Amino acid sequence: MTISPHHTGHDAVQYQAMRDIVERMQSSVPGKLEITREGIVHDMMSPGGPHELTAARVSRRLEKVMPDGLLAHTGTPDVEDARHGVVRHPDIMVISEDDMEVEGPFDPRTLVAAIEVVSRSNPDNDWTGKMRDYPLLGVPVYVVFDPRTGEGAVLSDIHPTPAGPRYATRKDFVYGEDVTIGDWTISTEGLPRYAS
């Protein structure tokens, strides 16, 4: 199912239908359901230990260096931009407490950063789909941690391209190095890897 970049009434109906499907199915299927402009993405596997431990360690390390009032949030709800027909669920959202005081999904433009831990079952969702969607949604910093390879990347500086907004700056890192996310630097030492 494809949703064109210029929503017509028909596209809005398609998006609402996908949203209704996701809401009905999410509690009864394993893994995570998200909506992109191409359709519904289903990450089949529920995140395992290395995935969840990475998210927890990164979140905790960030919260130790960020000022009060900002959180490295690992829970729900999703971020949603109905205008673009996209619902995503970052593994970690750097967001102010004030911006969390809303009913329903968070506005993606309020995120300071979206952080993803690459899923073993669907790495393209993090390395391709979200790399396309997060700049479209106005998320200024996107960070990827990849337990498959022990590497990652920090993407920033949204700029227009013929294919839509993209990140202009990419800084790669390997586990063990310090990484700067927004204004804060944390260690990647001791982050777990997936078993071979």
C-alpha atoms as a PDB file:
ATOM      1  CA  MET A   1       0.000   0.000   0.000  1.00  0.00           C
ATOM      2  CA  THR A   2       1.445   3.382  -0.979  1.00  0.00           C
ATOM      3  CA  ILE A   3       0.513   6.811   0.253  1.00  0.00           C
ATOM      4  CA  SER A   4       1.542   9.676  -2.007  1.00  0.00           C
ATOM      5  CA  PRO A   5       3.470  12.623  -0.553  1.00  0.00           C
ATOM      6  CA  HIS A   6       0.536  14.973  -1.276  1.00  0.00           C
ATOM      7  CA  HIS A   7      -2.389  13.786   0.820  1.00  0.00           C
ATOM      8  CA  THR A   8      -5.721  13.857  -0.880  1.00  0.00           C
ATOM      9  CA  GLY A   9      -8.939  12.863   0.830  1.00  0.00           C
ATOM     10  CA  HIS A  10      -8.336   9.314  -0.404  1.00  0.00           C
ATOM     11  CA  ASP A  11      -4.855   9.242   1.140  1.00  0.00           C
ATOM     12  CA  ALA A  12      -6.223  10.443   4.479  1.00  0.00           C
ATOM     13  CA  VAL A  13      -8.762   7.598   4.382  1.00  0.00           C
ATOM     14  CA  GLN A  14      -5.973   5.088   3.622  1.00  0.00           C
ATOM     15  CA  TYR A  15      -3.888   6.427   6.481  1.00  0.00           C
ATOM     16  CA  GLN A  16      -6.794   6.248   8.935  1.00  0.00           C
ATOM     17  CA  ALA A  17      -7.538   2.681   7.803  1.00  0.00           C
ATOM     18  CA  MET A  18      -3.897   1.669   8.427  1.00  0.00           C
ATOM     19  CA  ARG A  19      -3.960   3.402  11.807  1.00  0.00           C
ATOM     20  CA  ASP A  20      -7.128   1.528  12.766  1.00  0.00           C
ATOM     21  CA  ILE A  21      -5.548  -1.785  11.700  1.00  0.00           C
ATOM     22  CA  VAL A  22      -2.406  -1.110  13.737  1.00  0.00           C
ATOM     23  CA  GLU A  23      -4.413  -0.168  16.831  1.00  0.00           C
ATOM     24  CA  ARG A  24      -6.525  -3.334  16.584  1.00  0.00           C
ATOM     25  CA  MET A  25      -3.631  -5.695  15.875  1.00  0.00           C
ATOM     26  CA  GLN A  26      -0.790  -4.329  18.034  1.00  0.00           C
ATOM     27  CA  SER A  27      -1.742  -6.177  21.208  1.00  0.00           C
ATOM     28  CA  SER A  28      -2.301  -9.491  19.428  1.00  0.00           C
ATOM     29  CA  VAL A  29       0.859  -9.773  17.288  1.00  0.00           C
ATOM     30  CA  PRO A  30       4.465 -10.170  18.386  1.00  0.00           C
ATOM     31  CA  GLY A  31       6.837  -7.315  17.740  1.00  0.00           C
ATOM     32  CA  LYS A  32       6.043  -3.779  16.736  1.00  0.00           C
ATOM     33  CA  LEU A  33       3.782  -2.226  14.081  1.00  0.00           C
ATOM     34  CA  GLU A  34       4.536   1.167  12.535  1.00  0.00           C
ATOM     35  CA  ILE A  35       3.097   3.126   9.609  1.00  0.00           C
ATOM     36  CA  THR A  36       5.221   4.603   6.845  1.00  0.00           C
ATOM     37  CA  ARG A  37       4.305   6.247   3.583  1.00  0.00           C
ATOM     38  CA  GLU A  38       4.808   2.834   1.953  1.00  0.00           C
ATOM     39  CA  GLY A  39       2.434   1.013   4.296  1.00  0.00           C
ATOM     40  CA  ILE A  40       2.547  -0.896   7.575  1.00  0.00           C
ATOM     41  CA  VAL A  41       5.925  -2.130   8.835  1.00  0.00           C
ATOM     42  CA  HIS A  42       5.890  -5.175  11.103  1.00  0.00           C
ATOM     43  CA  ASP A  43       9.065  -5.945  13.011  1.00  0.00           C
ATOM     44  CA  MET A  44       8.202  -9.590  13.667  1.00  0.00           C
ATOM     45  CA  MET A  45      10.430 -10.297  16.622  1.00  0.00           C
ATOM     46  CA  SER A  46       9.879  -8.913  20.068  1.00  0.00           C
ATOM     47  CA  PRO A  47      13.118  -7.204  21.078  1.00  0.00           C
ATOM     48  CA  GLY A  48      15.473  -9.507  22.951  1.00  0.00           C
ATOM     49  CA  GLY A  49      18.017  -8.969  25.705  1.00  0.00           C
ATOM     50  CA  PRO A  50      20.829  -7.220  23.778  1.00  0.00           C
ATOM     51  CA  HIS A  51      18.335  -4.865  22.109  1.00  0.00           C
ATOM     52  CA  GLU A  52      16.605  -3.914  25.360  1.00  0.00           C
ATOM     53  CA  LEU A  53      19.853  -3.726  27.354  1.00  0.00           C
ATOM     54  CA  THR A  54      21.349  -1.372  24.747  1.00  0.00           C
ATOM     55  CA  ALA A  55      18.290   0.889  24.939  1.00  0.00           C
ATOM     56  CA  ALA A  56      18.378   0.872  28.748  1.00  0.00           C
ATOM     57  CA  ARG A  57      22.111   1.631  28.975  1.00  0.00           C
ATOM     58  CA  VAL A  58      21.991   4.401  26.364  1.00  0.00           C
ATOM     59  CA  SER A  59      18.941   5.943  28.042  1.00  0.00           C
ATOM     60  CA  ARG A  60      20.542   5.839  31.486  1.00  0.00           C
ATOM     61  CA  ARG A  61      23.847   7.266  30.228  1.00  0.00           C
ATOM     62  CA  LEU A  62      22.082  10.120  28.462  1.00  0.00           C
ATOM     63  CA  GLU A  63      19.943  11.011  31.478  1.00  0.00           C
ATOM     64  CA  LYS A  64      23.099  11.290  33.616  1.00  0.00           C
ATOM     65  CA  VAL A  65      24.471  14.079  31.380  1.00  0.00           C
ATOM     66  CA  MET A  66      21.297  15.866  30.225  1.00  0.00           C
ATOM     67  CA  PRO A  67      19.754  18.747  32.184  1.00  0.00           C
ATOM     68  CA  ASP A  68      16.671  18.338  34.343  1.00  0.00           C
ATOM     69  CA  GLY A  69      13.497  18.536  32.306  1.00  0.00           C
ATOM     70  CA  LEU A  70      14.788  16.328  29.489  1.00  0.00           C
ATOM     71  CA  LEU A  71      14.246  12.587  29.361  1.00  0.00           C
ATOM     72  CA  ALA A  72      15.694   9.745  27.310  1.00  0.00           C
ATOM     73  CA  HIS A  73      12.295   8.061  27.203  1.00  0.00           C
ATOM     74  CA  THR A  74      11.982   4.366  26.266  1.00  0.00           C
ATOM     75  CA  GLY A  75       8.243   3.874  26.604  1.00  0.00           C
ATOM     76  CA  THR A  76       5.095   4.742  24.750  1.00  0.00           C
ATOM     77  CA  PRO A  77       3.354   6.481  23.021  1.00  0.00           C
ATOM     78  CA  ASP A  78       4.451   6.603  19.400  1.00  0.00           C
ATOM     79  CA  VAL A  79       5.340   9.721  17.449  1.00  0.00           C
ATOM     80  CA  GLU A  80       2.828  10.549  14.744  1.00  0.00           C
ATOM     81  CA  ASP A  81       2.563  12.964  11.851  1.00  0.00           C
ATOM     82  CA  ALA A  82      -0.827  12.377  10.235  1.00  0.00           C
ATOM     83  CA  ARG A  83      -0.053  15.035   7.637  1.00  0.00           C
ATOM     84  CA  HIS A  84       2.686  12.784   6.239  1.00  0.00           C
ATOM     85  CA  GLY A  85       0.937   9.519   7.135  1.00  0.00           C
ATOM     86  CA  VAL A  86       3.715   8.264   9.442  1.00  0.00           C
ATOM     87  CA  VAL A  87       3.635   6.639  12.886  1.00  0.00           C
ATOM     88  CA  ARG A  88       6.975   5.551  14.344  1.00  0.00           C
ATOM     89  CA  HIS A  89       8.049   4.238  17.735  1.00  0.00           C
ATOM     90  CA  PRO A  90      11.670   5.158  18.509  1.00  0.00           C
ATOM     91  CA  ASP A  91      13.451   2.876  20.952  1.00  0.00           C
ATOM     92  CA  ILE A  92      14.565   6.036  22.801  1.00  0.00           C
ATOM     93  CA  MET A  93      13.137   9.539  22.454  1.00  0.00           C
ATOM     94  CA  VAL A  94      15.039  12.506  23.830  1.00  0.00           C
ATOM     95  CA  ILE A  95      12.160  14.816  24.725  1.00  0.00           C
ATOM     96  CA  SER A  96      11.300  17.438  27.306  1.00  0.00           C
ATOM     97  CA  GLU A  97       8.936  16.540  30.097  1.00  0.00           C
ATOM     98  CA  ASP A  98       6.724  19.466  29.066  1.00  0.00           C
ATOM     99  CA  ASP A  99       6.346  18.024  25.539  1.00  0.00           C
ATOM    100  CA  MET A 100       5.243  14.702  27.024  1.00  0.00           C
ATOM    101  CA  GLU A 101       2.240  16.292  28.735  1.00  0.00           C
ATOM    102  CA  VAL A 102      -0.117  15.514  25.850  1.00  0.00           C
ATOM    103  CA  GLU A 103      -2.875  13.013  25.215  1.00  0.00           C
ATOM    104  CA  GLY A 104      -2.107  10.531  22.447  1.00  0.00           C
ATOM    105  CA  PRO A 105       1.018  10.328  20.286  1.00  0.00           C
ATOM    106  CA  PHE A 106       3.918  12.736  20.655  1.00  0.00           C
ATOM    107  CA  ASP A 107       4.526  15.375  18.002  1.00  0.00           C
ATOM    108  CA  PRO A 108       7.780  14.267  16.304  1.00  0.00           C
ATOM    109  CA  ARG A 109       8.871  17.917  15.952  1.00  0.00           C
ATOM    110  CA  THR A 110       9.179  18.089  19.762  1.00  0.00           C
ATOM    111  CA  LEU A 111      11.853  15.375  19.865  1.00  0.00           C
ATOM    112  CA  VAL A 112      15.434  16.477  20.429  1.00  0.00           C
ATOM    113  CA  ALA A 113      16.590  13.106  19.069  1.00  0.00           C
ATOM    114  CA  ALA A 114      15.271   9.700  18.034  1.00  0.00           C
ATOM    115  CA  ILE A 115      17.490   6.735  18.868  1.00  0.00           C
ATOM    116  CA  GLU A 116      17.077   3.253  17.436  1.00  0.00           C
ATOM    117  CA  VAL A 117      18.712  -0.051  18.320  1.00  0.00           C
ATOM    118  CA  VAL A 118      18.820  -2.100  15.123  1.00  0.00           C
ATOM    119  CA  SER A 119      16.527  -5.086  15.163  1.00  0.00           C
ATOM    120  CA  ARG A 120      18.039  -8.415  14.211  1.00  0.00           C
ATOM    121  CA  SER A 121      14.878  -9.318  12.271  1.00  0.00           C
ATOM    122  CA  ASN A 122      14.433  -6.109  10.251  1.00  0.00           C
ATOM    123  CA  PRO A 123      17.604  -3.961  10.073  1.00  0.00           C
ATOM    124  CA  ASP A 124      16.426  -2.119   6.942  1.00  0.00           C
ATOM    125  CA  ASN A 125      13.637  -0.540   8.983  1.00  0.00           C
ATOM    126  CA  ASP A 126      16.247   1.325  11.065  1.00  0.00           C
ATOM    127  CA  TRP A 127      18.957   1.881   8.434  1.00  0.00           C
ATOM    128  CA  THR A 128      16.680   2.803   5.521  1.00  0.00           C
ATOM    129  CA  GLY A 129      13.046   3.452   6.451  1.00  0.00           C
ATOM    130  CA  LYS A 130      13.640   5.497   9.587  1.00  0.00           C
ATOM    131  CA  MET A 131      16.605   7.280   8.018  1.00  0.00           C
ATOM    132  CA  ARG A 132      14.059   8.507   5.446  1.00  0.00           C
ATOM    133  CA  ASP A 133      11.126   9.124   7.830  1.00  0.00           C
ATOM    134  CA  TYR A 134      12.769  10.934  10.742  1.00  0.00           C
ATOM    135  CA  PRO A 135      14.018  13.934   8.716  1.00  0.00           C
ATOM    136  CA  LEU A 136      10.604  14.075   7.005  1.00  0.00           C
ATOM    137  CA  LEU A 137       9.041  14.301  10.479  1.00  0.00           C
ATOM    138  CA  GLY A 138      11.460  17.055  11.531  1.00  0.00           C
ATOM    139  CA  VAL A 139      13.452  15.023  14.086  1.00  0.00           C
ATOM    140  CA  PRO A 140      16.755  16.969  14.198  1.00  0.00           C
ATOM    141  CA  VAL A 141      19.032  14.107  15.315  1.00  0.00           C
ATOM    142  CA  TYR A 142      18.710  10.405  14.508  1.00  0.00           C
ATOM    143  CA  VAL A 143      21.071   7.894  16.121  1.00  0.00           C
ATOM    144  CA  VAL A 144      21.440   4.220  15.206  1.00  0.00           C
ATOM    145  CA  PHE A 145      23.101   1.605  17.441  1.00  0.00           C
ATOM    146  CA  ASP A 146      23.674  -1.704  15.640  1.00  0.00           C
ATOM    147  CA  PRO A 147      24.307  -4.711  17.937  1.00  0.00           C
ATOM    148  CA  ARG A 148      24.849  -6.899  14.849  1.00  0.00           C
ATOM    149  CA  THR A 149      28.096  -5.093  13.950  1.00  0.00           C
ATOM    150  CA  GLY A 150      29.018  -3.088  17.057  1.00  0.00           C
ATOM    151  CA  GLU A 151      28.774   0.131  15.053  1.00  0.00           C
ATOM    152  CA  GLY A 152      26.402   3.029  14.671  1.00  0.00           C
ATOM    153  CA  ALA A 153      25.831   6.483  13.257  1.00  0.00           C
ATOM    154  CA  VAL A 154      24.619   9.910  14.336  1.00  0.00           C
ATOM    155  CA  LEU A 155      22.678  11.751  11.618  1.00  0.00           C
ATOM    156  CA  SER A 156      21.804  15.457  11.756  1.00  0.00           C
ATOM    157  CA  ASP A 157      21.405  18.667   9.769  1.00  0.00           C
ATOM    158  CA  ILE A 158      18.176  18.142   7.838  1.00  0.00           C
ATOM    159  CA  HIS A 159      18.275  19.606   4.346  1.00  0.00           C
ATOM    160  CA  PRO A 160      15.935  19.455   1.330  1.00  0.00           C
ATOM    161  CA  THR A 161      16.657  17.059  -1.532  1.00  0.00           C
ATOM    162  CA  PRO A 162      14.633  16.100  -4.620  1.00  0.00           C
ATOM    163  CA  ALA A 163      13.650  12.897  -2.776  1.00  0.00           C
ATOM    164  CA  GLY A 164      12.497  14.832   0.309  1.00  0.00           C
ATOM    165  CA  PRO A 165      14.244  15.992   3.483  1.00  0.00           C
ATOM    166  CA  ARG A 166      17.403  14.070   4.371  1.00  0.00           C
ATOM    167  CA  TYR A 167      20.177  14.281   6.947  1.00  0.00           C
ATOM    168  CA  ALA A 168      23.243  16.062   5.561  1.00  0.00           C
ATOM    169  CA  THR A 169      25.695  15.020   8.282  1.00  0.00           C
ATOM    170  CA  ARG A 170      26.579  11.476   9.270  1.00  0.00           C
ATOM    171  CA  LYS A 171      29.138  10.595  11.951  1.00  0.00           C
ATOM    172  CA  ASP A 172      29.886   6.886  12.224  1.00  0.00           C
ATOM    173  CA  PHE A 173      31.145   5.303  15.438  1.00  0.00           C
ATOM    174  CA  VAL A 174      32.205   1.899  16.701  1.00  0.00           C
ATOM    175  CA  TYR A 175      31.286   0.474  20.084  1.00  0.00           C
ATOM    176  CA  GLY A 176      33.869   1.502  22.663  1.00  0.00           C
ATOM    177  CA  GLU A 177      34.095   5.088  21.377  1.00  0.00           C
ATOM    178  CA  ASP A 178      32.333   8.072  22.880  1.00  0.00           C
ATOM    179  CA  VAL A 179      29.364   9.319  20.853  1.00  0.00           C
ATOM    180  CA  THR A 180      27.829  12.796  20.849  1.00  0.00           C
ATOM    181  CA  ILE A 181      24.037  12.949  20.642  1.00  0.00           C
ATOM    182  CA  GLY A 182      22.830  16.526  20.371  1.00  0.00           C
ATOM    183  CA  ASP A 183      24.764  18.425  23.048  1.00  0.00           C
ATOM    184  CA  TRP A 184      25.693  15.397  25.160  1.00  0.00           C
ATOM    185  CA  THR A 185      28.493  12.852  24.918  1.00  0.00           C
ATOM    186  CA  ILE A 186      28.197   9.328  26.295  1.00  0.00           C
ATOM    187  CA  SER A 187      30.331   6.200  26.230  1.00  0.00           C
ATOM    188  CA  THR A 188      29.416   3.217  24.084  1.00  0.00           C
ATOM    189  CA  GLU A 189      31.684   0.990  26.166  1.00  0.00           C
ATOM    190  CA  GLY A 190      30.049  -2.272  27.249  1.00  0.00           C
ATOM    191  CA  LEU A 191      27.059  -2.156  24.920  1.00  0.00           C
ATOM    192  CA  PRO A 192      25.977  -5.726  24.143  1.00  0.00           C
ATOM    193  CA  ARG A 193      26.194  -7.420  20.746  1.00  0.00           C
ATOM    194  CA  TYR A 194      23.888 -10.017  19.236  1.00  0.00           C
ATOM    195  CA  ALA A 195      25.271 -13.560  19.374  1.00  0.00           C
ATOM    196  CA  SER A 196      26.540 -14.803  16.009  1.00  0.00           C
END
